[in-house]
Amino acid sequence: MESIKEEIRLKIIHPLQFPELYKAYGKAAGGGMLLYGPPGCGKTYLARATAGEVQASFIHVGINDILDMWLGNSERNLHQLFEQARLQAPCVLFFDEVDALAANRHDLRQSAGRTVINQFLSELDGATRSNEGVLILAATNAPWHLDSAFRRPGRFDRILLVTPPMRRPARLCWAYCCRVSR
């Protein structure tokens, strides 16, 4: 996973550790990164490790944290999560299974889900308040289901494939476990 960790270092960790260098080149700390891959390959683990690496708060957001059956409550929940992340900056705001919240709007012609998507886009852009110091990571198994507006620069402009880590043969793992237990 070295190439993935290097991308995360360049996009997220270094801008927080060396802000004056990045500002000199017109780059700001923050932004978004989309991690995709099969279930169980470590996307959530990478997000948590990133927060730990930069000593940032970590907010894990699932679909049940946002969606509500009452009109307008889902948008308010999303806004409150972004506000909480802004108050705790530096903060990693991690959206798990983001394709459930950022579905293609063409598929939702008359749905209330369109307003949630519009609110999500507005919050990503920092339309009402700056997202300075808020690092937005998201994970999905199917990035092709996301609305194309989420993949434009300034939102989730970096998309990284996370493959399952290489596994050691059972014999090596067993030998290692025996040495550790002694």
N, C-alpha and C. Protein backbone atom coordinates (compact mmCIF):
# COMPACT_ATOMS: atom_id res chain seq x y z
N MET A 1 0.81 -1.20 0.00
CA MET A 1 0.00 0.00 0.00
C MET A 1 0.85 1.26 0.00
N GLU A 2 2.10 1.15 -0.36
CA GLU A 2 3.01 2.29 -0.31
C GLU A 2 2.57 3.44 -1.23
N SER A 3 2.10 3.10 -2.43
CA SER A 3 1.69 4.17 -3.36
C SER A 3 0.47 4.93 -2.82
N ILE A 4 -0.44 4.24 -2.18
CA ILE A 4 -1.62 4.89 -1.60
C ILE A 4 -1.21 5.78 -0.44
N LYS A 5 -0.33 5.27 0.41
CA LYS A 5 0.13 6.07 1.55
C LYS A 5 0.89 7.31 1.08
N GLU A 6 1.64 7.20 -0.01
CA GLU A 6 2.37 8.36 -0.54
C GLU A 6 1.39 9.41 -1.07
N GLU A 7 0.34 8.99 -1.75
CA GLU A 7 -0.69 9.94 -2.23
C GLU A 7 -1.34 10.67 -1.05
N ILE A 8 -1.64 9.93 0.01
CA ILE A 8 -2.25 10.54 1.19
C ILE A 8 -1.27 11.51 1.84
N ARG A 9 0.00 11.15 1.88
CA ARG A 9 1.02 12.07 2.43
C ARG A 9 1.06 13.37 1.64
N LEU A 10 1.07 13.27 0.31
CA LEU A 10 1.18 14.47 -0.52
C LEU A 10 -0.06 15.34 -0.47
N LYS A 11 -1.23 14.74 -0.45
CA LYS A 11 -2.48 15.49 -0.53
C LYS A 11 -2.97 15.98 0.84
N ILE A 12 -2.71 15.20 1.90
CA ILE A 12 -3.31 15.52 3.19
C ILE A 12 -2.29 15.82 4.27
N ILE A 13 -1.32 14.94 4.46
CA ILE A 13 -0.43 15.07 5.61
C ILE A 13 0.56 16.23 5.44
N HIS A 14 1.25 16.29 4.33
CA HIS A 14 2.24 17.36 4.13
C HIS A 14 1.64 18.77 4.13
N PRO A 15 0.48 19.00 3.53
CA PRO A 15 -0.07 20.37 3.62
C PRO A 15 -0.37 20.81 5.06
N LEU A 16 -0.66 19.86 5.95
CA LEU A 16 -0.88 20.23 7.35
C LEU A 16 0.43 20.39 8.10
N GLN A 17 1.44 19.60 7.74
CA GLN A 17 2.71 19.68 8.44
C GLN A 17 3.57 20.85 7.96
N PHE A 18 3.44 21.23 6.69
CA PHE A 18 4.23 22.32 6.11
C PHE A 18 3.32 23.34 5.43
N PRO A 19 2.45 24.00 6.19
CA PRO A 19 1.47 24.91 5.57
C PRO A 19 2.10 26.10 4.84
N GLU A 20 3.21 26.63 5.36
CA GLU A 20 3.83 27.79 4.72
C GLU A 20 4.39 27.44 3.35
N LEU A 21 4.92 26.25 3.20
CA LEU A 21 5.44 25.81 1.90
C LEU A 21 4.31 25.68 0.88
N TYR A 22 3.20 25.08 1.29
CA TYR A 22 2.07 24.88 0.38
C TYR A 22 1.39 26.21 0.05
N LYS A 23 1.30 27.11 1.01
CA LYS A 23 0.71 28.43 0.74
C LYS A 23 1.56 29.24 -0.23
N ALA A 24 2.88 29.06 -0.16
CA ALA A 24 3.78 29.75 -1.09
C ALA A 24 3.50 29.34 -2.53
N TYR A 25 3.02 28.12 -2.72
CA TYR A 25 2.68 27.64 -4.06
C TYR A 25 1.18 27.71 -4.35
N GLY A 26 0.43 28.40 -3.49
CA GLY A 26 -0.99 28.60 -3.73
C GLY A 26 -1.87 27.41 -3.41
N LYS A 27 -1.37 26.51 -2.61
CA LYS A 27 -2.15 25.32 -2.23
C LYS A 27 -2.63 25.49 -0.79
N ALA A 28 -3.86 25.07 -0.52
CA ALA A 28 -4.42 25.16 0.82
C ALA A 28 -4.56 23.77 1.42
N ALA A 29 -4.49 23.71 2.74
CA ALA A 29 -4.74 22.45 3.43
C ALA A 29 -6.23 22.14 3.36
N GLY A 30 -6.56 20.92 3.12
CA GLY A 30 -7.95 20.52 3.03
C GLY A 30 -8.22 19.85 1.71
N GLY A 31 -9.48 19.74 1.38
CA GLY A 31 -9.83 19.08 0.13
C GLY A 31 -10.38 17.70 0.40
N GLY A 32 -10.57 16.96 -0.66
CA GLY A 32 -11.17 15.65 -0.52
C GLY A 32 -10.48 14.58 -1.31
N MET A 33 -10.60 13.36 -0.81
CA MET A 33 -10.03 12.20 -1.47
C MET A 33 -11.03 11.05 -1.36
N LEU A 34 -11.22 10.38 -2.48
CA LEU A 34 -12.15 9.25 -2.53
C LEU A 34 -11.35 7.96 -2.61
N LEU A 35 -11.58 7.08 -1.65
CA LEU A 35 -10.94 5.76 -1.62
C LEU A 35 -11.97 4.75 -2.10
N TYR A 36 -11.59 3.92 -3.05
CA TYR A 36 -12.53 2.90 -3.48
C TYR A 36 -11.82 1.56 -3.62
N GLY A 37 -12.60 0.52 -3.45
CA GLY A 37 -12.07 -0.83 -3.54
C GLY A 37 -13.07 -1.81 -2.96
N PRO A 38 -12.74 -3.08 -3.02
CA PRO A 38 -13.67 -4.09 -2.51
C PRO A 38 -13.82 -4.00 -0.99
N PRO A 39 -14.89 -4.58 -0.45
CA PRO A 39 -15.07 -4.55 1.00
C PRO A 39 -13.91 -5.24 1.73
N GLY A 40 -13.53 -4.69 2.87
CA GLY A 40 -12.53 -5.32 3.70
C GLY A 40 -11.08 -5.08 3.29
N CYS A 41 -10.82 -4.09 2.46
CA CYS A 41 -9.44 -3.88 2.00
C CYS A 41 -8.72 -2.80 2.80
N GLY A 42 -9.37 -2.15 3.77
CA GLY A 42 -8.68 -1.22 4.64
C GLY A 42 -8.94 0.25 4.38
N LYS A 43 -10.02 0.61 3.71
CA LYS A 43 -10.29 2.01 3.41
C LYS A 43 -10.53 2.81 4.70
N THR A 44 -11.34 2.28 5.60
CA THR A 44 -11.62 2.96 6.86
C THR A 44 -10.36 3.02 7.72
N TYR A 45 -9.58 1.97 7.71
CA TYR A 45 -8.34 1.93 8.48
C TYR A 45 -7.38 3.01 7.99
N LEU A 46 -7.27 3.19 6.68
CA LEU A 46 -6.41 4.23 6.12
C LEU A 46 -6.87 5.62 6.56
N ALA A 47 -8.18 5.84 6.59
CA ALA A 47 -8.72 7.13 7.01
C ALA A 47 -8.39 7.40 8.48
N ARG A 48 -8.55 6.41 9.33
CA ARG A 48 -8.23 6.57 10.75
C ARG A 48 -6.73 6.80 10.95
N ALA A 49 -5.92 6.07 10.20
CA ALA A 49 -4.47 6.24 10.30
C ALA A 49 -4.04 7.63 9.85
N THR A 50 -4.71 8.16 8.84
CA THR A 50 -4.41 9.51 8.35
C THR A 50 -4.69 10.53 9.44
N ALA A 51 -5.82 10.40 10.11
CA ALA A 51 -6.16 11.32 11.20
C ALA A 51 -5.12 11.22 12.32
N GLY A 52 -4.70 10.03 12.63
CA GLY A 52 -3.70 9.84 13.67
C GLY A 52 -2.35 10.42 13.28
N GLU A 53 -2.01 10.33 12.03
CA GLU A 53 -0.72 10.82 11.54
C GLU A 53 -0.60 12.34 11.68
N VAL A 54 -1.70 13.05 11.52
CA VAL A 54 -1.67 14.52 11.60
C VAL A 54 -2.24 15.05 12.92
N GLN A 55 -2.46 14.14 13.88
CA GLN A 55 -3.05 14.49 15.18
C GLN A 55 -4.33 15.28 15.02
N ALA A 56 -5.21 14.79 14.15
CA ALA A 56 -6.49 15.46 13.88
C ALA A 56 -7.63 14.66 14.49
N SER A 57 -8.71 15.34 14.74
CA SER A 57 -9.93 14.66 15.17
C SER A 57 -10.42 13.78 14.03
N PHE A 58 -11.19 12.77 14.36
CA PHE A 58 -11.72 11.86 13.34
C PHE A 58 -13.21 11.72 13.56
N ILE A 59 -13.98 12.04 12.52
CA ILE A 59 -15.43 11.89 12.59
C ILE A 59 -15.83 10.89 11.51
N HIS A 60 -16.34 9.75 11.95
CA HIS A 60 -16.79 8.70 11.04
C HIS A 60 -18.28 8.91 10.76
N VAL A 61 -18.63 9.08 9.51
CA VAL A 61 -20.02 9.37 9.13
C VAL A 61 -20.58 8.21 8.32
N GLY A 62 -21.64 7.63 8.83
CA GLY A 62 -22.37 6.60 8.10
C GLY A 62 -23.68 7.17 7.59
N ILE A 63 -24.33 6.42 6.75
CA ILE A 63 -25.58 6.89 6.16
C ILE A 63 -26.65 7.15 7.23
N ASN A 64 -26.63 6.35 8.29
CA ASN A 64 -27.63 6.53 9.35
C ASN A 64 -27.40 7.80 10.17
N ASP A 65 -26.19 8.38 10.08
CA ASP A 65 -25.92 9.65 10.77
C ASP A 65 -26.53 10.84 10.06
N ILE A 66 -26.89 10.66 8.80
CA ILE A 66 -27.38 11.78 8.00
C ILE A 66 -28.85 11.64 7.63
N LEU A 67 -29.20 10.52 7.04
CA LEU A 67 -30.55 10.38 6.49
C LEU A 67 -31.61 10.31 7.58
N ASP A 68 -32.69 11.04 7.33
CA ASP A 68 -33.82 11.12 8.24
C ASP A 68 -35.09 11.09 7.41
N MET A 69 -36.14 10.56 7.97
CA MET A 69 -37.38 10.43 7.19
C MET A 69 -38.11 11.76 7.01
N TRP A 70 -37.81 12.75 7.84
CA TRP A 70 -38.50 14.03 7.75
C TRP A 70 -37.77 14.96 6.80
N LEU A 71 -38.52 15.65 5.97
CA LEU A 71 -37.97 16.57 4.99
C LEU A 71 -37.14 17.67 5.65
N GLY A 72 -35.95 17.87 5.16
CA GLY A 72 -35.07 18.92 5.67
C GLY A 72 -34.13 18.48 6.78
N ASN A 73 -34.46 17.41 7.49
CA ASN A 73 -33.62 16.96 8.59
C ASN A 73 -32.30 16.37 8.10
N SER A 74 -32.32 15.69 6.96
CA SER A 74 -31.09 15.10 6.42
C SER A 74 -30.09 16.20 6.06
N GLU A 75 -30.58 17.26 5.45
CA GLU A 75 -29.72 18.38 5.09
C GLU A 75 -29.15 19.05 6.34
N ARG A 76 -29.99 19.20 7.35
CA ARG A 76 -29.55 19.80 8.61
C ARG A 76 -28.50 18.91 9.29
N ASN A 77 -28.72 17.60 9.28
CA ASN A 77 -27.75 16.68 9.88
C ASN A 77 -26.39 16.78 9.18
N LEU A 78 -26.42 16.86 7.86
CA LEU A 78 -25.18 16.99 7.09
C LEU A 78 -24.47 18.29 7.42
N HIS A 79 -25.23 19.38 7.49
CA HIS A 79 -24.65 20.67 7.83
C HIS A 79 -24.03 20.65 9.23
N GLN A 80 -24.71 20.03 10.19
CA GLN A 80 -24.19 19.97 11.56
C GLN A 80 -22.90 19.17 11.64
N LEU A 81 -22.78 18.11 10.85
CA LEU A 81 -21.54 17.34 10.84
C LEU A 81 -20.37 18.16 10.30
N PHE A 82 -20.62 18.92 9.25
CA PHE A 82 -19.57 19.79 8.71
C PHE A 82 -19.21 20.89 9.71
N GLU A 83 -20.21 21.45 10.40
CA GLU A 83 -19.94 22.48 11.41
C GLU A 83 -19.11 21.91 12.55
N GLN A 84 -19.44 20.70 12.97
CA GLN A 84 -18.68 20.04 14.03
C GLN A 84 -17.23 19.83 13.60
N ALA A 85 -17.02 19.41 12.34
CA ALA A 85 -15.66 19.22 11.83
C ALA A 85 -14.91 20.55 11.76
N ARG A 86 -15.59 21.62 11.37
CA ARG A 86 -14.94 22.93 11.29
C ARG A 86 -14.51 23.42 12.67
N LEU A 87 -15.32 23.14 13.68
CA LEU A 87 -14.98 23.55 15.04
C LEU A 87 -13.82 22.75 15.60
N GLN A 88 -13.66 21.50 15.17
CA GLN A 88 -12.60 20.63 15.67
C GLN A 88 -11.35 20.62 14.79
N ALA A 89 -11.27 21.54 13.84
CA ALA A 89 -10.15 21.54 12.88
C ALA A 89 -8.82 21.61 13.61
N PRO A 90 -7.81 20.87 13.18
CA PRO A 90 -7.82 19.98 12.03
C PRO A 90 -8.63 18.72 12.33
N CYS A 91 -9.38 18.32 11.34
CA CYS A 91 -10.30 17.20 11.50
C CYS A 91 -10.40 16.42 10.21
N VAL A 92 -10.46 15.10 10.33
CA VAL A 92 -10.73 14.23 9.19
C VAL A 92 -12.20 13.85 9.26
N LEU A 93 -12.94 14.24 8.26
CA LEU A 93 -14.35 13.91 8.15
C LEU A 93 -14.45 12.77 7.14
N PHE A 94 -14.81 11.59 7.61
CA PHE A 94 -14.78 10.38 6.78
C PHE A 94 -16.19 9.89 6.50
N PHE A 95 -16.57 9.87 5.23
CA PHE A 95 -17.88 9.38 4.80
C PHE A 95 -17.74 7.95 4.30
N ASP A 96 -18.32 7.02 5.04
CA ASP A 96 -18.28 5.62 4.65
C ASP A 96 -19.47 5.32 3.75
N GLU A 97 -19.23 4.55 2.72
CA GLU A 97 -20.27 4.22 1.72
C GLU A 97 -20.91 5.50 1.17
N VAL A 98 -20.06 6.40 0.69
CA VAL A 98 -20.50 7.72 0.23
C VAL A 98 -21.44 7.63 -0.98
N ASP A 99 -21.40 6.54 -1.74
CA ASP A 99 -22.28 6.43 -2.90
C ASP A 99 -23.75 6.43 -2.51
N ALA A 100 -24.06 6.10 -1.26
CA ALA A 100 -25.45 6.16 -0.79
C ALA A 100 -25.90 7.60 -0.60
N LEU A 101 -24.96 8.52 -0.33
CA LEU A 101 -25.29 9.93 -0.13
C LEU A 101 -25.05 10.78 -1.36
N ALA A 102 -24.21 10.30 -2.27
CA ALA A 102 -23.80 11.10 -3.42
C ALA A 102 -24.17 10.41 -4.73
N ALA A 103 -25.33 9.82 -4.77
CA ALA A 103 -25.76 9.09 -5.96
C ALA A 103 -25.94 10.03 -7.15
N ASN A 104 -25.95 9.47 -8.31
CA ASN A 104 -26.13 10.25 -9.53
C ASN A 104 -27.51 10.91 -9.52
N ARG A 105 -27.55 12.21 -9.72
CA ARG A 105 -28.82 12.95 -9.66
C ARG A 105 -29.76 12.60 -10.80
N HIS A 106 -29.24 12.07 -11.88
CA HIS A 106 -30.12 11.66 -12.98
C HIS A 106 -31.02 10.50 -12.58
N ASP A 107 -30.57 9.71 -11.61
CA ASP A 107 -31.36 8.59 -11.12
C ASP A 107 -32.42 9.03 -10.11
N LEU A 108 -32.29 10.26 -9.59
CA LEU A 108 -33.18 10.76 -8.53
C LEU A 108 -34.00 11.95 -9.02
N ARG A 109 -34.68 11.82 -10.12
CA ARG A 109 -35.35 12.97 -10.74
C ARG A 109 -36.34 13.68 -9.83
N GLN A 110 -37.21 12.95 -9.15
CA GLN A 110 -38.23 13.57 -8.33
C GLN A 110 -38.05 13.23 -6.85
N SER A 111 -36.86 12.86 -6.46
CA SER A 111 -36.62 12.40 -5.10
C SER A 111 -36.14 13.53 -4.20
N ALA A 112 -36.40 13.38 -2.91
CA ALA A 112 -35.89 14.33 -1.93
C ALA A 112 -34.38 14.15 -1.76
N GLY A 113 -33.83 13.06 -2.26
CA GLY A 113 -32.40 12.82 -2.20
C GLY A 113 -31.59 13.85 -2.96
N ARG A 114 -32.19 14.50 -3.95
CA ARG A 114 -31.50 15.54 -4.71
C ARG A 114 -31.10 16.70 -3.81
N THR A 115 -31.94 17.05 -2.85
CA THR A 115 -31.62 18.18 -1.97
C THR A 115 -30.47 17.82 -1.03
N VAL A 116 -30.37 16.56 -0.64
CA VAL A 116 -29.25 16.11 0.19
C VAL A 116 -27.96 16.21 -0.62
N ILE A 117 -28.00 15.80 -1.88
CA ILE A 117 -26.82 15.88 -2.74
C ILE A 117 -26.41 17.34 -2.93
N ASN A 118 -27.37 18.22 -3.17
CA ASN A 118 -27.06 19.63 -3.34
C ASN A 118 -26.45 20.23 -2.06
N GLN A 119 -26.97 19.84 -0.91
CA GLN A 119 -26.42 20.31 0.37
C GLN A 119 -24.99 19.79 0.55
N PHE A 120 -24.76 18.52 0.20
CA PHE A 120 -23.44 17.91 0.30
C PHE A 120 -22.43 18.66 -0.57
N LEU A 121 -22.82 18.98 -1.80
CA LEU A 121 -21.94 19.72 -2.70
C LEU A 121 -21.64 21.11 -2.15
N SER A 122 -22.64 21.75 -1.60
CA SER A 122 -22.47 23.08 -1.02
C SER A 122 -21.51 23.04 0.16
N GLU A 123 -21.63 22.04 1.01
CA GLU A 123 -20.74 21.91 2.17
C GLU A 123 -19.31 21.59 1.73
N LEU A 124 -19.15 20.76 0.71
CA LEU A 124 -17.81 20.43 0.21
C LEU A 124 -17.11 21.68 -0.32
N ASP A 125 -17.87 22.55 -0.96
CA ASP A 125 -17.31 23.79 -1.51
C ASP A 125 -17.02 24.82 -0.43
N GLY A 126 -17.58 24.63 0.76
CA GLY A 126 -17.41 25.64 1.81
C GLY A 126 -18.14 26.91 1.45
N ALA A 127 -19.35 26.77 0.93
CA ALA A 127 -20.11 27.93 0.45
C ALA A 127 -20.45 28.91 1.57
N THR A 128 -20.80 28.40 2.75
CA THR A 128 -21.19 29.30 3.84
C THR A 128 -20.03 29.59 4.78
N ARG A 129 -19.17 28.60 5.02
CA ARG A 129 -17.99 28.78 5.89
C ARG A 129 -16.83 28.01 5.29
N SER A 130 -15.64 28.48 5.56
CA SER A 130 -14.43 27.87 5.02
C SER A 130 -14.20 26.48 5.61
N ASN A 131 -13.73 25.58 4.77
CA ASN A 131 -13.38 24.24 5.21
C ASN A 131 -11.88 24.12 5.50
N GLU A 132 -11.24 25.23 5.81
CA GLU A 132 -9.80 25.23 6.10
C GLU A 132 -9.51 24.30 7.28
N GLY A 133 -8.64 23.32 7.06
CA GLY A 133 -8.28 22.37 8.11
C GLY A 133 -9.21 21.18 8.20
N VAL A 134 -10.26 21.13 7.39
CA VAL A 134 -11.15 19.98 7.37
C VAL A 134 -10.74 19.10 6.19
N LEU A 135 -10.31 17.90 6.50
CA LEU A 135 -9.88 16.96 5.48
C LEU A 135 -11.03 15.98 5.25
N ILE A 136 -11.48 15.90 4.03
CA ILE A 136 -12.65 15.10 3.72
C ILE A 136 -12.21 13.87 2.96
N LEU A 137 -12.44 12.73 3.57
CA LEU A 137 -12.16 11.44 2.95
C LEU A 137 -13.48 10.70 2.81
N ALA A 138 -13.58 9.91 1.76
CA ALA A 138 -14.79 9.12 1.56
C ALA A 138 -14.39 7.76 1.02
N ALA A 139 -15.23 6.79 1.28
CA ALA A 139 -14.97 5.43 0.80
C ALA A 139 -16.21 4.90 0.11
N THR A 140 -15.97 4.11 -0.92
CA THR A 140 -17.06 3.48 -1.66
C THR A 140 -16.55 2.20 -2.31
N ASN A 141 -17.48 1.34 -2.64
CA ASN A 141 -17.14 0.15 -3.40
C ASN A 141 -17.40 0.38 -4.89
N ALA A 142 -18.19 1.40 -5.21
CA ALA A 142 -18.59 1.65 -6.60
C ALA A 142 -18.53 3.14 -6.92
N PRO A 143 -17.36 3.66 -7.29
CA PRO A 143 -17.25 5.10 -7.56
C PRO A 143 -18.02 5.54 -8.80
N TRP A 144 -18.35 4.64 -9.68
CA TRP A 144 -19.09 4.98 -10.89
C TRP A 144 -20.54 5.34 -10.58
N HIS A 145 -21.02 5.07 -9.36
CA HIS A 145 -22.38 5.46 -8.98
C HIS A 145 -22.45 6.89 -8.45
N LEU A 146 -21.31 7.53 -8.19
CA LEU A 146 -21.30 8.90 -7.69
C LEU A 146 -21.67 9.88 -8.79
N ASP A 147 -22.33 10.95 -8.40
CA ASP A 147 -22.64 12.03 -9.33
C ASP A 147 -21.33 12.64 -9.81
N SER A 148 -21.27 12.99 -11.07
CA SER A 148 -20.03 13.52 -11.64
C SER A 148 -19.59 14.83 -10.97
N ALA A 149 -20.52 15.57 -10.38
CA ALA A 149 -20.18 16.82 -9.71
C ALA A 149 -19.27 16.59 -8.51
N PHE A 150 -19.30 15.40 -7.92
CA PHE A 150 -18.46 15.11 -6.76
C PHE A 150 -17.00 14.89 -7.15
N ARG A 151 -16.76 14.60 -8.42
CA ARG A 151 -15.39 14.28 -8.85
C ARG A 151 -14.67 15.45 -9.48
N ARG A 152 -15.22 16.64 -9.41
CA ARG A 152 -14.54 17.79 -10.01
C ARG A 152 -13.50 18.34 -9.03
N PRO A 153 -12.54 19.13 -9.52
CA PRO A 153 -11.49 19.67 -8.66
C PRO A 153 -12.06 20.47 -7.48
N GLY A 154 -11.44 20.27 -6.33
CA GLY A 154 -11.88 20.95 -5.11
C GLY A 154 -12.82 20.11 -4.28
N ARG A 155 -13.33 19.06 -4.84
CA ARG A 155 -14.22 18.17 -4.09
C ARG A 155 -13.47 16.85 -3.89
N PHE A 156 -13.89 15.78 -4.55
CA PHE A 156 -13.13 14.52 -4.49
C PHE A 156 -12.32 14.41 -5.77
N ASP A 157 -11.31 15.26 -5.89
CA ASP A 157 -10.53 15.30 -7.13
C ASP A 157 -9.47 14.21 -7.19
N ARG A 158 -9.13 13.59 -6.08
CA ARG A 158 -8.21 12.46 -6.07
C ARG A 158 -9.00 11.20 -5.77
N ILE A 159 -8.91 10.25 -6.65
CA ILE A 159 -9.62 8.98 -6.48
C ILE A 159 -8.56 7.89 -6.44
N LEU A 160 -8.52 7.14 -5.34
CA LEU A 160 -7.50 6.13 -5.14
C LEU A 160 -8.12 4.74 -5.02
N LEU A 161 -7.57 3.82 -5.77
CA LEU A 161 -7.98 2.41 -5.67
C LEU A 161 -7.22 1.78 -4.52
N VAL A 162 -7.94 1.20 -3.59
CA VAL A 162 -7.35 0.50 -2.45
C VAL A 162 -7.62 -0.99 -2.66
N THR A 163 -6.57 -1.72 -2.91
CA THR A 163 -6.71 -3.16 -3.13
C THR A 163 -6.45 -3.89 -1.82
N PRO A 164 -6.92 -5.11 -1.70
CA PRO A 164 -6.64 -5.86 -0.47
C PRO A 164 -5.13 -6.02 -0.28
N PRO A 165 -4.66 -5.88 0.96
CA PRO A 165 -3.23 -6.02 1.20
C PRO A 165 -2.76 -7.43 0.89
N MET A 166 -1.48 -7.53 0.56
CA MET A 166 -0.90 -8.84 0.27
C MET A 166 -0.91 -9.67 1.55
N ARG A 167 -1.28 -10.91 1.40
CA ARG A 167 -1.31 -11.81 2.56
C ARG A 167 -0.11 -12.74 2.51
N ARG A 168 0.38 -13.06 3.68
CA ARG A 168 1.49 -13.99 3.76
C ARG A 168 0.96 -15.41 3.67
N PRO A 169 1.76 -16.33 3.17
CA PRO A 169 1.33 -17.73 3.18
C PRO A 169 1.07 -18.19 4.61
N ALA A 170 0.17 -19.13 4.77
CA ALA A 170 -0.24 -19.60 6.10
C ALA A 170 0.96 -20.10 6.91
N ARG A 171 1.92 -20.73 6.25
CA ARG A 171 3.08 -21.27 6.95
C ARG A 171 3.88 -20.14 7.61
N LEU A 172 4.08 -19.04 6.89
CA LEU A 172 4.84 -17.93 7.45
C LEU A 172 4.08 -17.28 8.60
N CYS A 173 2.77 -17.13 8.45
CA CYS A 173 1.98 -16.53 9.51
C CYS A 173 2.01 -17.41 10.76
N TRP A 174 1.93 -18.71 10.58
CA TRP A 174 1.94 -19.63 11.71
C TRP A 174 3.29 -19.56 12.42
N ALA A 175 4.37 -19.52 11.64
CA ALA A 175 5.70 -19.45 12.23
C ALA A 175 5.86 -18.14 13.00
N TYR A 176 5.34 -17.05 12.47
CA TYR A 176 5.44 -15.77 13.16
C TYR A 176 4.64 -15.81 14.47
N CYS A 177 3.45 -16.39 14.43
CA CYS A 177 2.61 -16.47 15.65
C CYS A 177 3.30 -17.30 16.71
N CYS A 178 3.98 -18.38 16.33
CA CYS A 178 4.67 -19.21 17.30
C CYS A 178 5.80 -18.45 17.96
N ARG A 179 6.55 -17.62 17.18
CA ARG A 179 7.64 -16.86 17.74
C ARG A 179 7.12 -15.78 18.70
N VAL A 180 6.01 -15.17 18.36
CA VAL A 180 5.47 -14.10 19.19
C VAL A 180 4.96 -14.64 20.52
N SER A 181 4.37 -15.84 20.50
CA SER A 181 3.77 -16.39 21.71
C SER A 181 4.80 -16.88 22.72
N ARG A 182 6.06 -17.05 22.31
CA ARG A 182 7.09 -17.56 23.23
C ARG A 182 7.52 -16.54 24.21
